[in-house]
Amino acid sequence: MAQPRLYSAVLRTRTNPSFQCLRRTPPHRYASLASEPGASSTPVVPWKTPHSITSWPPEPLIPPPRDGELLMERLPNRELPELPPFIPKQVTRTFPLFIIIMSASIFAFFNYQKQESSVVTSTLYALRTNPMVRDILGDEIYFASKYPWIKGEINQVHGRINISFWVKGTRTQGEVRLRCRRKGRGGYFTTQEWSLTMEDGRQIFLYDPEGNAIDPFQEPMGE
């Protein structure tokens, strides 16, 4: 009768075994975004440790260097300087003056080109050799000003000449106007107007459509 009692006592002791070796190993924990009861809402990230860079607050930034200041050392927390404007202030201040100077230079260049063209020099020569013009303007016929302005266009490629400028002599001055057209690419220029307008408004037509104009080479000025 005593054996059944011992057997039941042994069975009671074996129902709750103590595994000391397994309790020494901590349980594995995995990163999970699900919040457990009684835990904080911050997710557990395995790569974020107390020694991580992101766990420490950022260092205060050092202001950028001023204009003309020399940097004696390089620091990683130095603030970047401000970007310069796309168009500097000096350019915006001097750009209108640059446009004015360039425009005046371009106009002066094209005016000088017309002044030295063969059309203008031939017109001046025809005025000097014309007896009627010499009787009105006098001798030494040349441009009225030191820097003459030739109005109109001289386009010999497309056959258009329409210019006017002021001339003077020893007696008075007037405005010369020459207007010619060319028909066809290989044709000759046809004079439509060649006149001299005086200061009092009197206009003298120098062109003779019938072709009876005075030839300066037929009667030289020296004879």
N, C-alpha and C. Protein backbone atom coordinates (compact mmCIF):
# COMPACT_ATOMS: atom_id res chain seq x y z
N MET A 1 0.83 -1.20 0.00
CA MET A 1 0.00 0.00 0.00
C MET A 1 0.86 1.25 0.00
N ALA A 2 2.12 1.18 0.42
CA ALA A 2 2.97 2.37 0.51
C ALA A 2 3.52 2.76 -0.85
N GLN A 3 3.67 1.84 -1.80
CA GLN A 3 4.27 2.15 -3.10
C GLN A 3 3.42 3.11 -3.93
N PRO A 4 2.16 2.94 -3.96
CA PRO A 4 1.37 3.93 -4.73
C PRO A 4 1.52 5.34 -4.21
N ARG A 5 1.71 5.52 -2.95
CA ARG A 5 1.88 6.88 -2.42
C ARG A 5 3.20 7.48 -2.90
N LEU A 6 4.27 6.73 -2.91
CA LEU A 6 5.56 7.25 -3.37
C LEU A 6 5.50 7.59 -4.87
N TYR A 7 4.88 6.79 -5.64
CA TYR A 7 4.79 7.02 -7.08
C TYR A 7 4.02 8.29 -7.40
N SER A 8 2.95 8.53 -6.64
CA SER A 8 2.18 9.77 -6.86
C SER A 8 2.99 10.99 -6.45
N ALA A 9 3.86 10.88 -5.43
CA ALA A 9 4.70 12.02 -5.04
C ALA A 9 5.74 12.34 -6.09
N VAL A 10 6.27 11.28 -6.73
CA VAL A 10 7.27 11.51 -7.80
C VAL A 10 6.63 12.16 -9.00
N LEU A 11 5.42 11.76 -9.31
CA LEU A 11 4.73 12.38 -10.45
C LEU A 11 4.44 13.85 -10.20
N ARG A 12 4.14 14.17 -8.96
CA ARG A 12 3.87 15.61 -8.67
C ARG A 12 5.13 16.45 -8.85
N THR A 13 6.28 15.93 -8.47
CA THR A 13 7.52 16.69 -8.61
C THR A 13 7.96 16.84 -10.06
N ARG A 14 7.62 15.93 -10.93
CA ARG A 14 8.03 15.99 -12.33
C ARG A 14 7.12 16.84 -13.20
N THR A 15 5.96 17.23 -12.71
CA THR A 15 5.06 18.04 -13.54
C THR A 15 5.58 19.44 -13.76
N ASN A 16 6.32 19.99 -12.82
CA ASN A 16 6.87 21.37 -12.94
C ASN A 16 8.40 21.31 -12.91
N PRO A 17 9.05 20.95 -14.03
CA PRO A 17 10.52 20.88 -14.03
C PRO A 17 11.11 22.29 -14.10
N SER A 18 12.25 22.46 -13.55
CA SER A 18 12.96 23.76 -13.58
C SER A 18 14.13 23.65 -14.53
N PHE A 19 14.06 24.41 -15.64
CA PHE A 19 15.14 24.44 -16.62
C PHE A 19 15.98 25.69 -16.38
N GLN A 20 16.99 25.55 -15.57
CA GLN A 20 17.83 26.70 -15.22
C GLN A 20 18.69 27.14 -16.41
N CYS A 21 19.08 26.22 -17.24
CA CYS A 21 19.95 26.57 -18.36
C CYS A 21 19.23 27.41 -19.40
N LEU A 22 17.93 27.19 -19.56
CA LEU A 22 17.18 27.96 -20.56
C LEU A 22 16.83 29.35 -20.05
N ARG A 23 16.68 29.51 -18.75
CA ARG A 23 16.32 30.83 -18.22
C ARG A 23 17.46 31.83 -18.32
N ARG A 24 18.68 31.32 -18.42
CA ARG A 24 19.81 32.25 -18.53
C ARG A 24 19.87 32.93 -19.90
N THR A 25 19.31 32.39 -20.95
CA THR A 25 19.31 32.97 -22.30
C THR A 25 18.15 33.94 -22.43
N PRO A 26 18.42 35.21 -22.69
CA PRO A 26 17.29 36.16 -22.82
C PRO A 26 16.48 35.86 -24.07
N PRO A 27 15.22 36.13 -24.02
CA PRO A 27 14.36 35.88 -25.21
C PRO A 27 14.72 36.86 -26.33
N HIS A 28 14.54 36.42 -27.58
CA HIS A 28 14.82 37.25 -28.75
C HIS A 28 13.70 38.26 -28.94
N ARG A 29 14.10 39.52 -29.26
CA ARG A 29 13.12 40.57 -29.50
C ARG A 29 13.33 41.08 -30.94
N TYR A 30 12.26 41.20 -31.64
CA TYR A 30 12.29 41.64 -33.02
C TYR A 30 11.67 43.04 -33.12
N ALA A 31 12.17 43.80 -34.11
CA ALA A 31 11.62 45.15 -34.32
C ALA A 31 10.20 45.02 -34.84
N SER A 32 9.33 45.73 -34.22
CA SER A 32 7.92 45.67 -34.59
C SER A 32 7.33 47.05 -34.42
N LEU A 33 6.47 47.43 -35.34
CA LEU A 33 5.78 48.71 -35.26
C LEU A 33 4.47 48.62 -34.50
N ALA A 34 4.04 47.43 -34.19
CA ALA A 34 2.79 47.26 -33.43
C ALA A 34 3.05 47.58 -31.97
N SER A 35 2.22 48.39 -31.40
CA SER A 35 2.37 48.81 -29.99
C SER A 35 1.84 47.72 -29.07
N GLU A 36 2.69 47.33 -28.10
CA GLU A 36 2.28 46.34 -27.12
C GLU A 36 1.56 47.02 -25.96
N PRO A 37 0.73 46.28 -25.28
CA PRO A 37 0.04 46.89 -24.12
C PRO A 37 1.04 47.24 -23.03
N GLY A 38 0.96 48.48 -22.59
CA GLY A 38 1.84 48.95 -21.54
C GLY A 38 3.17 49.48 -22.03
N ALA A 39 3.44 49.47 -23.35
CA ALA A 39 4.70 49.97 -23.90
C ALA A 39 4.47 51.34 -24.52
N SER A 40 5.56 52.06 -24.77
CA SER A 40 5.45 53.39 -25.37
C SER A 40 5.10 53.27 -26.85
N SER A 41 4.58 54.38 -27.43
CA SER A 41 4.17 54.37 -28.83
C SER A 41 5.35 54.50 -29.79
N THR A 42 6.58 54.80 -29.29
CA THR A 42 7.74 54.94 -30.15
C THR A 42 8.18 53.59 -30.66
N PRO A 43 8.33 53.39 -31.99
CA PRO A 43 8.73 52.08 -32.49
C PRO A 43 10.16 51.76 -32.09
N VAL A 44 10.40 50.51 -31.92
CA VAL A 44 11.73 50.03 -31.55
C VAL A 44 12.51 49.76 -32.81
N VAL A 45 13.57 50.52 -33.03
CA VAL A 45 14.41 50.36 -34.21
C VAL A 45 15.72 49.75 -33.77
N PRO A 46 16.09 48.60 -34.31
CA PRO A 46 17.29 47.94 -33.81
C PRO A 46 18.57 48.69 -34.12
N TRP A 47 18.61 49.53 -35.24
CA TRP A 47 19.86 50.19 -35.59
C TRP A 47 20.02 51.54 -34.90
N LYS A 48 19.02 51.98 -34.16
CA LYS A 48 19.12 53.25 -33.44
C LYS A 48 19.58 52.97 -32.02
N THR A 49 20.82 53.23 -31.81
CA THR A 49 21.42 52.99 -30.51
C THR A 49 21.76 54.32 -29.85
N PRO A 50 22.07 54.31 -28.56
CA PRO A 50 22.47 55.58 -27.91
C PRO A 50 23.70 56.21 -28.53
N HIS A 51 24.54 55.39 -29.20
CA HIS A 51 25.73 55.93 -29.82
C HIS A 51 25.51 56.29 -31.29
N SER A 52 24.28 56.27 -31.77
CA SER A 52 24.00 56.61 -33.16
C SER A 52 24.10 58.13 -33.36
N ILE A 53 24.36 58.55 -34.61
CA ILE A 53 24.50 59.99 -34.90
C ILE A 53 23.17 60.71 -34.77
N THR A 54 22.10 60.02 -35.19
CA THR A 54 20.80 60.68 -35.16
C THR A 54 20.23 60.80 -33.77
N SER A 55 20.78 60.07 -32.81
CA SER A 55 20.22 60.15 -31.46
C SER A 55 20.69 61.40 -30.73
N TRP A 56 21.77 62.05 -31.22
CA TRP A 56 22.28 63.24 -30.55
C TRP A 56 21.73 64.49 -31.22
N PRO A 57 21.49 65.55 -30.49
CA PRO A 57 20.98 66.80 -31.11
C PRO A 57 22.04 67.42 -31.99
N PRO A 58 21.65 68.08 -33.07
CA PRO A 58 22.64 68.69 -33.98
C PRO A 58 23.36 69.85 -33.30
N GLU A 59 24.61 70.04 -33.71
CA GLU A 59 25.39 71.12 -33.17
C GLU A 59 24.92 72.46 -33.75
N PRO A 60 25.03 73.53 -32.99
CA PRO A 60 24.62 74.84 -33.52
C PRO A 60 25.52 75.25 -34.69
N LEU A 61 24.90 75.86 -35.73
CA LEU A 61 25.64 76.25 -36.92
C LEU A 61 26.39 77.55 -36.68
N ILE A 62 27.60 77.61 -37.22
CA ILE A 62 28.40 78.81 -37.15
C ILE A 62 28.02 79.71 -38.32
N PRO A 63 27.86 81.01 -38.09
CA PRO A 63 27.48 81.89 -39.21
C PRO A 63 28.51 81.86 -40.31
N PRO A 64 28.09 82.07 -41.54
CA PRO A 64 29.03 82.04 -42.67
C PRO A 64 30.01 83.20 -42.60
N PRO A 65 31.13 83.08 -43.29
CA PRO A 65 32.10 84.17 -43.28
C PRO A 65 31.58 85.40 -44.00
N ARG A 66 32.01 86.56 -43.59
CA ARG A 66 31.62 87.80 -44.23
C ARG A 66 32.49 88.04 -45.47
N ASP A 67 32.11 89.07 -46.18
CA ASP A 67 32.86 89.40 -47.39
C ASP A 67 34.26 89.88 -47.01
N GLY A 68 35.26 89.26 -47.57
CA GLY A 68 36.63 89.62 -47.30
C GLY A 68 37.24 88.94 -46.09
N GLU A 69 36.47 88.11 -45.39
CA GLU A 69 36.99 87.43 -44.21
C GLU A 69 37.72 86.16 -44.62
N LEU A 70 38.89 85.92 -44.01
CA LEU A 70 39.69 84.74 -44.32
C LEU A 70 39.33 83.62 -43.36
N LEU A 71 39.18 82.42 -43.89
CA LEU A 71 38.89 81.24 -43.09
C LEU A 71 40.20 80.58 -42.69
N MET A 72 40.44 80.49 -41.38
CA MET A 72 41.66 79.87 -40.88
C MET A 72 41.50 78.38 -40.61
N GLU A 73 40.25 77.90 -40.53
CA GLU A 73 40.00 76.49 -40.27
C GLU A 73 38.69 76.09 -40.91
N ARG A 74 38.58 74.80 -41.14
CA ARG A 74 37.36 74.24 -41.71
C ARG A 74 36.56 73.56 -40.62
N LEU A 75 35.31 73.91 -40.56
CA LEU A 75 34.42 73.32 -39.56
C LEU A 75 33.22 72.71 -40.29
N PRO A 76 32.79 71.50 -39.84
CA PRO A 76 31.67 70.87 -40.55
C PRO A 76 30.33 71.53 -40.27
N ASN A 77 30.24 72.25 -39.16
CA ASN A 77 28.96 72.87 -38.81
C ASN A 77 28.90 74.33 -39.21
N ARG A 78 29.72 74.76 -40.15
CA ARG A 78 29.67 76.14 -40.60
C ARG A 78 28.54 76.31 -41.61
N GLU A 79 27.77 77.34 -41.45
CA GLU A 79 26.64 77.60 -42.34
C GLU A 79 27.13 78.08 -43.70
N LEU A 80 26.43 77.65 -44.74
CA LEU A 80 26.81 78.05 -46.08
C LEU A 80 26.44 79.51 -46.32
N PRO A 81 27.26 80.24 -47.08
CA PRO A 81 26.92 81.63 -47.38
C PRO A 81 25.74 81.73 -48.33
N GLU A 82 25.13 82.91 -48.38
CA GLU A 82 24.00 83.12 -49.27
C GLU A 82 24.47 83.16 -50.72
N LEU A 83 23.61 82.66 -51.59
CA LEU A 83 23.93 82.66 -53.01
C LEU A 83 23.89 84.09 -53.55
N PRO A 84 24.86 84.46 -54.36
CA PRO A 84 24.83 85.81 -54.95
C PRO A 84 23.68 85.92 -55.93
N PRO A 85 23.16 87.12 -56.18
CA PRO A 85 22.08 87.28 -57.17
C PRO A 85 22.53 86.90 -58.56
N PHE A 86 21.55 86.50 -59.38
CA PHE A 86 21.86 86.08 -60.75
C PHE A 86 22.46 87.22 -61.56
N ILE A 87 21.95 88.42 -61.37
CA ILE A 87 22.48 89.62 -62.03
C ILE A 87 22.99 90.55 -60.95
N PRO A 88 24.29 90.81 -60.88
CA PRO A 88 24.81 91.68 -59.82
C PRO A 88 24.23 93.08 -59.90
N LYS A 89 24.28 93.78 -58.78
CA LYS A 89 23.74 95.13 -58.73
C LYS A 89 24.53 96.09 -59.61
N GLN A 90 25.83 95.86 -59.70
CA GLN A 90 26.64 96.74 -60.54
C GLN A 90 26.23 96.64 -62.01
N VAL A 91 25.84 95.42 -62.43
CA VAL A 91 25.42 95.24 -63.81
C VAL A 91 24.09 95.94 -64.07
N THR A 92 23.16 95.81 -63.13
CA THR A 92 21.86 96.47 -63.31
C THR A 92 21.98 97.99 -63.31
N ARG A 93 22.97 98.52 -62.61
CA ARG A 93 23.15 99.97 -62.60
C ARG A 93 23.81 100.48 -63.88
N THR A 94 24.76 99.73 -64.39
CA THR A 94 25.51 100.19 -65.57
C THR A 94 24.96 99.65 -66.89
N PHE A 95 24.00 98.73 -66.86
CA PHE A 95 23.47 98.16 -68.10
C PHE A 95 22.75 99.20 -68.97
N PRO A 96 21.90 100.08 -68.42
CA PRO A 96 21.30 101.10 -69.28
C PRO A 96 22.33 102.01 -69.94
N LEU A 97 23.38 102.38 -69.19
CA LEU A 97 24.44 103.21 -69.78
C LEU A 97 25.16 102.45 -70.89
N PHE A 98 25.35 101.15 -70.72
CA PHE A 98 25.98 100.33 -71.76
C PHE A 98 25.12 100.29 -73.02
N ILE A 99 23.80 100.16 -72.85
CA ILE A 99 22.90 100.13 -74.01
C ILE A 99 22.95 101.45 -74.76
N ILE A 100 22.97 102.57 -74.02
CA ILE A 100 23.00 103.89 -74.67
C ILE A 100 24.30 104.07 -75.46
N ILE A 101 25.42 103.69 -74.83
CA ILE A 101 26.71 103.85 -75.51
C ILE A 101 26.81 102.96 -76.74
N MET A 102 26.33 101.72 -76.64
CA MET A 102 26.38 100.82 -77.78
C MET A 102 25.47 101.30 -78.91
N SER A 103 24.28 101.82 -78.57
CA SER A 103 23.38 102.32 -79.61
C SER A 103 23.98 103.52 -80.32
N ALA A 104 24.57 104.44 -79.55
CA ALA A 104 25.20 105.61 -80.17
C ALA A 104 26.38 105.19 -81.04
N SER A 105 27.14 104.20 -80.60
CA SER A 105 28.28 103.73 -81.40
C SER A 105 27.81 103.09 -82.71
N ILE A 106 26.73 102.31 -82.64
CA ILE A 106 26.23 101.66 -83.85
C ILE A 106 25.71 102.69 -84.85
N PHE A 107 24.96 103.70 -84.36
CA PHE A 107 24.45 104.74 -85.25
C PHE A 107 25.59 105.54 -85.87
N ALA A 108 26.62 105.85 -85.05
CA ALA A 108 27.76 106.60 -85.57
C ALA A 108 28.53 105.78 -86.60
N PHE A 109 28.63 104.48 -86.39
CA PHE A 109 29.35 103.63 -87.35
C PHE A 109 28.64 103.60 -88.70
N PHE A 110 27.32 103.37 -88.69
CA PHE A 110 26.58 103.32 -89.95
C PHE A 110 26.53 104.69 -90.63
N ASN A 111 26.48 105.76 -89.84
CA ASN A 111 26.49 107.09 -90.44
C ASN A 111 27.84 107.38 -91.10
N TYR A 112 28.93 106.96 -90.45
CA TYR A 112 30.24 107.15 -91.06
C TYR A 112 30.40 106.31 -92.32
N GLN A 113 29.79 105.13 -92.33
CA GLN A 113 29.84 104.29 -93.52
C GLN A 113 29.12 104.96 -94.69
N LYS A 114 27.97 105.59 -94.42
CA LYS A 114 27.26 106.30 -95.49
C LYS A 114 28.01 107.57 -95.90
N GLN A 115 28.65 108.22 -94.94
CA GLN A 115 29.37 109.44 -95.24
C GLN A 115 30.55 109.18 -96.19
N GLU A 116 31.22 108.05 -96.03
CA GLU A 116 32.36 107.72 -96.86
C GLU A 116 32.00 106.90 -98.09
N SER A 117 30.72 106.72 -98.34
CA SER A 117 30.32 105.92 -99.50
C SER A 117 30.54 106.72 -100.78
N SER A 118 30.58 105.99 -101.89
CA SER A 118 30.80 106.64 -103.19
C SER A 118 29.60 107.49 -103.62
N VAL A 119 28.42 107.17 -103.13
CA VAL A 119 27.23 107.95 -103.49
C VAL A 119 27.32 109.36 -102.94
N VAL A 120 27.71 109.49 -101.66
CA VAL A 120 27.80 110.81 -101.03
C VAL A 120 28.96 111.61 -101.61
N THR A 121 30.10 110.99 -101.79
CA THR A 121 31.25 111.72 -102.35
C THR A 121 30.98 112.17 -103.79
N SER A 122 30.28 111.34 -104.57
CA SER A 122 29.92 111.74 -105.94
C SER A 122 28.91 112.88 -105.93
N THR A 123 28.00 112.87 -104.98
CA THR A 123 27.02 113.96 -104.88
C THR A 123 27.71 115.28 -104.53
N LEU A 124 28.66 115.24 -103.60
CA LEU A 124 29.41 116.45 -103.26
C LEU A 124 30.22 116.96 -104.45
N TYR A 125 30.80 116.04 -105.20
CA TYR A 125 31.58 116.46 -106.38
C TYR A 125 30.68 117.09 -107.43
N ALA A 126 29.48 116.53 -107.61
CA ALA A 126 28.55 117.11 -108.57
C ALA A 126 28.08 118.48 -108.14
N LEU A 127 27.94 118.71 -106.82
CA LEU A 127 27.55 120.04 -106.35
C LEU A 127 28.67 121.05 -106.56
N ARG A 128 29.91 120.66 -106.35
CA ARG A 128 31.02 121.59 -106.51
C ARG A 128 31.22 121.99 -107.98
N THR A 129 30.90 121.09 -108.89
CA THR A 129 31.10 121.36 -110.31
C THR A 129 29.87 121.93 -111.00
N ASN A 130 28.81 122.17 -110.26
CA ASN A 130 27.58 122.74 -110.83
C ASN A 130 27.64 124.26 -110.72
N PRO A 131 27.64 125.00 -111.85
CA PRO A 131 27.74 126.48 -111.77
C PRO A 131 26.57 127.12 -111.03
N MET A 132 25.36 126.59 -111.19
CA MET A 132 24.21 127.19 -110.53
C MET A 132 24.31 127.03 -109.02
N VAL A 133 24.77 125.86 -108.54
CA VAL A 133 24.93 125.64 -107.10
C VAL A 133 26.05 126.52 -106.55
N ARG A 134 27.10 126.70 -107.32
CA ARG A 134 28.21 127.55 -106.87
C ARG A 134 27.79 129.01 -106.81
N ASP A 135 26.89 129.43 -107.68
CA ASP A 135 26.40 130.80 -107.62
C ASP A 135 25.55 131.04 -106.38
N ILE A 136 24.89 129.98 -105.90
CA ILE A 136 24.00 130.15 -104.75
C ILE A 136 24.77 129.93 -103.45
N LEU A 137 25.48 128.82 -103.34
CA LEU A 137 26.18 128.47 -102.09
C LEU A 137 27.54 129.14 -101.98
N GLY A 138 28.19 129.37 -103.08
CA GLY A 138 29.54 129.90 -103.06
C GLY A 138 30.56 128.78 -103.26
N ASP A 139 31.81 129.12 -103.02
CA ASP A 139 32.89 128.14 -103.20
C ASP A 139 33.06 127.29 -101.93
N GLU A 140 33.97 126.32 -102.05
CA GLU A 140 34.33 125.42 -100.94
C GLU A 140 33.08 124.73 -100.37
N ILE A 141 32.36 124.08 -101.25
CA ILE A 141 31.13 123.38 -100.84
C ILE A 141 31.52 122.07 -100.15
N TYR A 142 31.05 121.92 -98.94
CA TYR A 142 31.34 120.72 -98.15
C TYR A 142 30.20 120.52 -97.16
N PHE A 143 30.35 119.55 -96.25
CA PHE A 143 29.31 119.31 -95.24
C PHE A 143 29.12 120.54 -94.36
N ALA A 144 27.89 120.72 -93.91
CA ALA A 144 27.59 121.92 -93.12
C ALA A 144 28.15 121.84 -91.71
N SER A 145 28.33 120.66 -91.16
CA SER A 145 28.85 120.51 -89.79
C SER A 145 30.08 119.63 -89.81
N LYS A 146 30.78 119.65 -88.70
CA LYS A 146 31.99 118.84 -88.59
C LYS A 146 31.66 117.36 -88.53
N TYR A 147 30.55 117.04 -87.91
CA TYR A 147 30.08 115.65 -87.84
C TYR A 147 28.73 115.57 -88.53
N PRO A 148 28.70 115.43 -89.84
CA PRO A 148 27.42 115.45 -90.57
C PRO A 148 26.60 114.19 -90.31
N TRP A 149 25.30 114.35 -90.42
CA TRP A 149 24.38 113.23 -90.27
C TRP A 149 23.70 112.97 -91.61
N ILE A 150 23.92 111.79 -92.16
CA ILE A 150 23.35 111.42 -93.45
C ILE A 150 22.02 110.71 -93.18
N LYS A 151 20.94 111.33 -93.55
CA LYS A 151 19.61 110.75 -93.35
C LYS A 151 19.28 109.82 -94.51
N GLY A 152 18.46 108.82 -94.22
CA GLY A 152 18.00 107.92 -95.26
C GLY A 152 18.86 106.66 -95.36
N GLU A 153 18.72 105.97 -96.48
CA GLU A 153 19.40 104.69 -96.69
C GLU A 153 20.14 104.68 -98.02
N ILE A 154 21.21 103.90 -98.02
CA ILE A 154 21.97 103.62 -99.25
C ILE A 154 22.05 102.11 -99.37
N ASN A 155 21.21 101.55 -100.23
CA ASN A 155 21.14 100.10 -100.41
C ASN A 155 21.34 99.82 -101.89
N GLN A 156 22.60 99.71 -102.27
CA GLN A 156 22.90 99.47 -103.68
C GLN A 156 22.61 98.04 -104.10
N VAL A 157 22.56 97.12 -103.14
CA VAL A 157 22.27 95.73 -103.49
C VAL A 157 20.84 95.59 -103.98
N HIS A 158 19.90 96.21 -103.27
CA HIS A 158 18.50 96.14 -103.66
C HIS A 158 18.07 97.31 -104.54
N GLY A 159 19.01 98.18 -104.88
CA GLY A 159 18.69 99.26 -105.82
C GLY A 159 17.87 100.38 -105.23
N ARG A 160 18.18 100.78 -103.96
CA ARG A 160 17.44 101.88 -103.34
C ARG A 160 18.43 102.88 -102.76
N ILE A 161 18.31 104.14 -103.16
CA ILE A 161 19.12 105.24 -102.63
C ILE A 161 18.18 106.39 -102.32
N ASN A 162 18.15 106.78 -101.07
CA ASN A 162 17.29 107.89 -100.64
C ASN A 162 17.97 108.58 -99.46
N ILE A 163 18.75 109.60 -99.75
CA ILE A 163 19.54 110.27 -98.72
C ILE A 163 19.31 111.77 -98.79
N SER A 164 19.63 112.43 -97.68
CA SER A 164 19.58 113.89 -97.60
C SER A 164 20.56 114.33 -96.52
N PHE A 165 21.26 115.42 -96.77
CA PHE A 165 22.21 115.96 -95.80
C PHE A 165 22.43 117.44 -96.11
N TRP A 166 22.99 118.14 -95.15
CA TRP A 166 23.20 119.58 -95.25
C TRP A 166 24.60 119.86 -95.75
N VAL A 167 24.68 120.84 -96.65
CA VAL A 167 25.96 121.30 -97.18
C VAL A 167 26.02 122.82 -97.04
N LYS A 168 27.21 123.35 -97.13
CA LYS A 168 27.41 124.79 -97.02
C LYS A 168 28.55 125.23 -97.94
N GLY A 169 28.51 126.50 -98.26
CA GLY A 169 29.58 127.12 -99.03
C GLY A 169 30.05 128.38 -98.34
N THR A 170 30.68 129.24 -99.09
CA THR A 170 31.16 130.49 -98.52
C THR A 170 30.04 131.52 -98.34
N ARG A 171 28.87 131.29 -98.95
CA ARG A 171 27.77 132.26 -98.86
C ARG A 171 26.65 131.77 -97.94
N THR A 172 26.12 130.60 -98.17
CA THR A 172 24.99 130.10 -97.40
C THR A 172 25.05 128.58 -97.37
N GLN A 173 24.00 127.97 -96.85
CA GLN A 173 23.94 126.51 -96.76
C GLN A 173 22.55 126.04 -97.16
N GLY A 174 22.45 124.76 -97.45
CA GLY A 174 21.18 124.17 -97.86
C GLY A 174 21.23 122.66 -97.68
N GLU A 175 20.08 122.04 -97.92
CA GLU A 175 19.94 120.59 -97.76
C GLU A 175 19.82 119.93 -99.13
N VAL A 176 20.65 118.93 -99.35
CA VAL A 176 20.66 118.19 -100.61
C VAL A 176 19.87 116.91 -100.42
N ARG A 177 19.08 116.58 -101.44
CA ARG A 177 18.29 115.35 -101.40
C ARG A 177 18.49 114.60 -102.70
N LEU A 178 18.82 113.30 -102.57
CA LEU A 178 19.04 112.44 -103.73
C LEU A 178 18.22 111.18 -103.56
N ARG A 179 17.42 110.88 -104.60
CA ARG A 179 16.57 109.68 -104.55
C ARG A 179 16.68 108.98 -105.90
N CYS A 180 17.15 107.71 -105.85
CA CYS A 180 17.36 106.92 -107.06
C CYS A 180 16.77 105.53 -106.86
N ARG A 181 16.38 104.93 -108.00
CA ARG A 181 15.86 103.57 -108.00
C ARG A 181 16.49 102.81 -109.17
N ARG A 182 16.59 101.50 -108.97
CA ARG A 182 17.12 100.63 -110.02
C ARG A 182 16.09 99.57 -110.34
N LYS A 183 15.79 99.42 -111.63
CA LYS A 183 14.84 98.43 -112.08
C LYS A 183 15.60 97.20 -112.56
N GLY A 184 15.35 96.08 -111.90
CA GLY A 184 16.04 94.86 -112.27
C GLY A 184 17.38 94.73 -111.58
N ARG A 185 17.93 93.53 -111.62
CA ARG A 185 19.20 93.27 -110.95
C ARG A 185 20.37 93.85 -111.72
N GLY A 186 20.35 93.79 -113.01
CA GLY A 186 21.47 94.27 -113.81
C GLY A 186 21.22 95.60 -114.48
N GLY A 187 20.18 96.33 -114.06
CA GLY A 187 19.85 97.60 -114.71
C GLY A 187 20.64 98.76 -114.12
N TYR A 188 20.38 99.96 -114.68
CA TYR A 188 21.03 101.16 -114.21
C TYR A 188 20.11 101.91 -113.24
N PHE A 189 20.75 102.73 -112.42
CA PHE A 189 19.99 103.55 -111.48
C PHE A 189 19.32 104.70 -112.23
N THR A 190 18.09 104.96 -111.86
CA THR A 190 17.34 106.07 -112.43
C THR A 190 17.13 107.12 -111.35
N THR A 191 17.56 108.34 -111.61
CA THR A 191 17.43 109.42 -110.63
C THR A 191 16.00 109.95 -110.65
N GLN A 192 15.37 109.91 -109.53
CA GLN A 192 14.01 110.42 -109.40
C GLN A 192 13.96 111.82 -108.80
N GLU A 193 14.91 112.14 -107.96
CA GLU A 193 14.95 113.48 -107.38
C GLU A 193 16.37 113.81 -106.99
N TRP A 194 16.78 114.99 -107.36
CA TRP A 194 18.06 115.55 -106.92
C TRP A 194 17.86 117.05 -106.79
N SER A 195 17.72 117.49 -105.58
CA SER A 195 17.32 118.87 -105.34
C SER A 195 18.16 119.48 -104.23
N LEU A 196 18.10 120.81 -104.16
CA LEU A 196 18.77 121.59 -103.12
C LEU A 196 17.75 122.52 -102.51
N THR A 197 17.51 122.36 -101.21
CA THR A 197 16.54 123.19 -100.49
C THR A 197 17.29 124.18 -99.61
N MET A 198 17.01 125.45 -99.81
CA MET A 198 17.70 126.50 -99.07
C MET A 198 17.05 126.70 -97.70
N GLU A 199 17.68 127.52 -96.88
CA GLU A 199 17.17 127.78 -95.53
C GLU A 199 15.85 128.52 -95.55
N ASP A 200 15.62 129.36 -96.57
CA ASP A 200 14.36 130.11 -96.66
C ASP A 200 13.23 129.30 -97.27
N GLY A 201 13.46 128.00 -97.56
CA GLY A 201 12.43 127.15 -98.14
C GLY A 201 12.46 127.07 -99.64
N ARG A 202 13.30 127.81 -100.30
CA ARG A 202 13.37 127.77 -101.75
C ARG A 202 14.03 126.48 -102.20
N GLN A 203 13.41 125.81 -103.18
CA GLN A 203 13.89 124.50 -103.64
C GLN A 203 14.36 124.62 -105.08
N ILE A 204 15.55 124.06 -105.34
CA ILE A 204 16.16 124.11 -106.66
C ILE A 204 16.36 122.67 -107.12
N PHE A 205 15.75 122.34 -108.27
CA PHE A 205 15.88 120.99 -108.82
C PHE A 205 17.09 120.96 -109.73
N LEU A 206 18.04 120.10 -109.38
CA LEU A 206 19.29 119.98 -110.12
C LEU A 206 19.25 118.89 -111.17
N TYR A 207 18.27 118.05 -111.12
CA TYR A 207 18.20 116.93 -112.07
C TYR A 207 17.38 117.35 -113.27
N ASP A 208 17.90 117.08 -114.46
CA ASP A 208 17.22 117.38 -115.71
C ASP A 208 16.79 116.08 -116.36
N PRO A 209 15.48 115.77 -116.38
CA PRO A 209 15.05 114.49 -116.96
C PRO A 209 15.40 114.34 -118.44
N GLU A 210 15.57 115.46 -119.16
CA GLU A 210 15.87 115.38 -120.59
C GLU A 210 17.34 115.08 -120.85
N GLY A 211 18.15 115.09 -119.81
CA GLY A 211 19.55 114.74 -120.00
C GLY A 211 20.42 115.89 -120.43
N ASN A 212 20.00 117.13 -120.18
CA ASN A 212 20.78 118.31 -120.58
C ASN A 212 21.61 118.85 -119.42
N ALA A 213 21.94 118.00 -118.45
CA ALA A 213 22.75 118.46 -117.33
C ALA A 213 24.17 118.76 -117.77
N ILE A 214 24.82 119.61 -117.01
CA ILE A 214 26.19 120.01 -117.35
C ILE A 214 27.15 118.91 -116.97
N ASP A 215 27.99 118.55 -117.90
CA ASP A 215 29.00 117.53 -117.65
C ASP A 215 30.23 118.21 -117.08
N PRO A 216 30.64 117.92 -115.86
CA PRO A 216 31.80 118.61 -115.29
C PRO A 216 33.11 118.26 -115.98
N PHE A 217 33.17 117.12 -116.66
CA PHE A 217 34.40 116.73 -117.34
C PHE A 217 34.53 117.39 -118.73
N GLN A 218 33.40 117.94 -119.23
CA GLN A 218 33.44 118.57 -120.53
C GLN A 218 34.07 119.96 -120.45
N GLU A 219 33.83 120.66 -119.35
CA GLU A 219 34.37 122.00 -119.18
C GLU A 219 35.08 122.04 -117.84
N PRO A 220 36.34 121.81 -117.77
CA PRO A 220 37.07 121.78 -116.49
C PRO A 220 36.95 123.12 -115.79
N MET A 221 37.08 123.04 -114.42
CA MET A 221 36.90 124.22 -113.60
C MET A 221 38.08 125.18 -113.75
N GLY A 222 39.26 124.69 -114.10
CA GLY A 222 40.40 125.55 -114.18
C GLY A 222 40.43 126.42 -115.41
N GLU A 223 39.63 126.08 -116.44
CA GLU A 223 39.66 126.85 -117.68
C GLU A 223 38.58 127.94 -117.70
